[in-house]
Protein backbone atom coordinates (compact mmCIF):
# COMPACT_ATOMS: atom_id res chain seq x y z
CA MET A 1 -13.51 54.53 44.00
CA ILE A 2 -15.80 52.52 41.98
CA GLY A 3 -13.93 53.52 38.86
CA SER A 4 -10.55 52.59 40.37
CA GLY A 5 -11.89 49.13 41.30
CA ASN A 6 -12.93 48.45 37.74
CA VAL A 7 -9.50 49.38 36.41
CA SER A 8 -7.76 46.93 38.73
CA ARG A 9 -10.08 44.07 37.70
CA VAL A 10 -9.48 44.69 33.99
CA ALA A 11 -5.73 44.90 34.54
CA SER A 12 -5.69 41.58 36.45
CA HIS A 13 -7.39 39.77 33.53
CA THR A 14 -4.89 41.03 30.97
CA VAL A 15 -1.91 39.58 32.81
CA PRO A 16 -1.25 35.97 31.72
CA MET A 17 -1.45 33.22 34.33
CA ALA A 18 1.95 32.00 35.47
CA GLU A 19 0.61 28.64 36.73
CA ILE A 20 -0.56 25.61 34.68
CA ASN A 21 -3.73 23.99 35.86
CA THR A 22 -2.77 20.27 36.18
CA THR A 23 -6.09 19.06 37.57
CA PRO A 24 -7.53 17.94 34.19
CA LEU A 25 -4.27 16.19 33.35
CA VAL A 26 -4.30 14.28 36.64
CA ASP A 27 -7.95 13.33 36.12
CA VAL A 28 -7.25 11.90 32.66
CA MET A 29 -4.20 10.00 33.91
CA LEU A 30 -6.20 8.47 36.79
CA VAL A 31 -8.95 7.34 34.38
CA LEU A 32 -6.37 5.75 32.09
CA LEU A 33 -4.71 4.05 35.07
CA VAL A 34 -8.02 2.53 36.16
CA ILE A 35 -8.73 1.33 32.61
CA PHE A 36 -5.30 -0.33 32.38
CA ILE A 37 -5.69 -1.94 35.81
CA ILE A 38 -9.00 -3.47 34.73
CA THR A 39 -7.92 -4.61 31.25
CA ALA A 40 -4.38 -5.87 32.03
CA PRO A 41 -5.50 -9.20 33.59
CA LEU A 42 -7.73 -9.86 30.56
CA LEU A 43 -4.79 -9.45 28.16
CA THR A 44 -2.56 -11.90 30.02
CA HIS A 45 -5.24 -14.59 30.32
CA ALA A 46 -4.30 -17.32 27.83
CA VAL A 47 -6.54 -19.94 26.34
CA LYS A 48 -5.00 -23.39 26.64
CA ILE A 49 -5.05 -25.29 23.38
CA GLU A 50 -3.19 -28.32 22.16
CA LEU A 51 -1.39 -27.59 18.91
CA PRO A 52 -0.73 -30.43 16.50
CA GLN A 53 2.82 -31.70 16.30
CA ALA A 54 4.45 -31.35 12.92
CA GLY A 55 6.78 -34.00 11.63
CA SER A 56 9.35 -33.35 8.99
CA THR A 57 9.18 -35.48 5.91
CA THR A 58 11.82 -35.84 3.28
CA THR A 59 11.06 -34.26 -0.02
CA PRO A 60 10.84 -36.76 -2.83
CA GLU A 61 13.73 -36.87 -5.22
CA LYS A 62 13.26 -35.22 -8.56
CA PRO A 63 13.09 -37.89 -11.22
CA GLU A 64 15.73 -38.18 -13.88
CA VAL A 65 14.95 -36.62 -17.25
CA ILE A 66 15.67 -38.78 -20.27
CA SER A 67 16.13 -37.05 -23.60
CA LEU A 68 15.13 -39.11 -26.63
CA SER A 69 16.17 -37.31 -29.81
CA ILE A 70 14.98 -38.34 -33.27
CA ASP A 71 16.54 -36.89 -36.39
CA GLY A 72 14.94 -36.54 -39.83
CA ALA A 73 16.24 -39.95 -40.99
CA GLY A 74 14.66 -41.74 -38.02
CA ASN A 75 17.90 -42.29 -36.05
CA MET A 76 17.32 -42.21 -32.28
CA TYR A 77 19.60 -40.88 -29.55
CA TRP A 78 19.11 -41.80 -25.85
CA ASN A 79 20.61 -38.94 -23.79
CA ASN A 80 22.79 -37.98 -26.81
CA GLY A 81 24.03 -41.57 -27.26
CA LYS A 82 23.12 -43.22 -30.56
CA MET A 83 20.87 -46.28 -30.27
CA VAL A 84 20.75 -49.32 -32.53
CA GLN A 85 17.54 -50.68 -34.06
CA GLY A 86 15.30 -52.46 -31.47
CA GLU A 87 17.11 -51.08 -28.41
CA LEU A 88 14.38 -48.53 -27.63
CA LYS A 89 11.84 -50.96 -26.15
CA ALA A 90 14.38 -52.46 -23.73
CA LYS A 91 15.54 -49.03 -22.56
CA LEU A 92 11.95 -47.82 -22.10
CA GLN A 93 11.07 -50.89 -19.99
CA GLN A 94 14.18 -50.40 -17.90
CA ALA A 95 13.32 -46.72 -17.37
CA ALA A 96 9.70 -47.55 -16.46
CA ALA A 97 10.92 -49.93 -13.73
CA GLU A 98 12.98 -47.23 -11.96
CA LYS A 99 11.66 -45.56 -8.81
CA PRO A 100 10.92 -42.67 -9.15
CA GLN A 101 10.09 -43.09 -12.78
CA PRO A 102 12.07 -40.76 -15.05
CA GLU A 103 10.44 -38.28 -17.38
CA LEU A 104 10.85 -38.95 -21.09
CA ASN A 105 11.38 -35.84 -23.23
CA ILE A 106 11.12 -36.39 -26.98
CA ARG A 107 13.05 -34.04 -29.26
CA ALA A 108 12.13 -34.64 -32.87
CA ASP A 109 13.45 -32.99 -36.00
CA LYS A 110 10.81 -31.21 -38.05
CA GLU A 111 11.54 -33.61 -40.90
CA THR A 112 10.74 -36.69 -38.73
CA ARG A 113 7.83 -38.72 -40.04
CA TYR A 114 4.75 -38.84 -37.80
CA GLN A 115 4.72 -42.65 -38.00
CA ILE A 116 8.05 -42.82 -36.14
CA LEU A 117 6.77 -40.48 -33.41
CA ALA A 118 3.57 -42.51 -33.06
CA GLU A 119 5.58 -45.73 -32.72
CA VAL A 120 7.84 -44.18 -30.07
CA MET A 121 4.84 -42.93 -28.07
CA ALA A 122 3.14 -46.35 -28.34
CA ASP A 123 6.33 -48.12 -27.20
CA ALA A 124 6.61 -45.73 -24.24
CA GLN A 125 3.00 -46.34 -23.24
CA ASN A 126 3.36 -50.12 -23.57
CA ALA A 127 6.53 -50.03 -21.44
CA GLY A 128 4.66 -48.15 -18.70
CA ILE A 129 6.16 -44.67 -19.02
CA THR A 130 3.69 -42.23 -17.45
CA LYS A 131 5.55 -38.93 -17.91
CA LEU A 132 6.10 -38.02 -21.53
CA GLY A 133 6.86 -34.61 -22.97
CA PHE A 134 7.82 -32.97 -26.22
CA VAL A 135 10.64 -30.43 -26.42
CA SER A 136 10.63 -27.80 -29.13
CA GLU A 137 12.40 -24.55 -29.85
CA PRO A 138 10.50 -21.28 -30.10
CA VAL A 139 10.06 -19.71 -33.51
CA ALA A 140 12.48 -16.82 -34.07
CA ARG A 141 10.71 -13.63 -35.05
């Protein structure tokens, strides 16, 4: 009889359990529920602050770009229109008085004498032009 009892115990352990033990699952879910109950009021608590009010401002207009071209002979062209001798100073003073002040781009031929460029830059400075640039073409390789 002792031998038959041992056989029945071994046989009962080899048969898989048909039930799932849900006790650990319920314990974990209850712990998570308690954690969420405690932390939920902390997440909804808001700090009251006064944010600054933003006002929209208009963007400044882009200034006009004036192209002053000088060929090798010293002839000057204001925005592709030929100028007569002595007209440059008057046009530069008129451009310096505009609001916003236009940008003066100088395009000079490579044969233009430096003295002419220096005179143009001096006239622009004396007229009050603050934005002056030189335009060139890249060297072809």
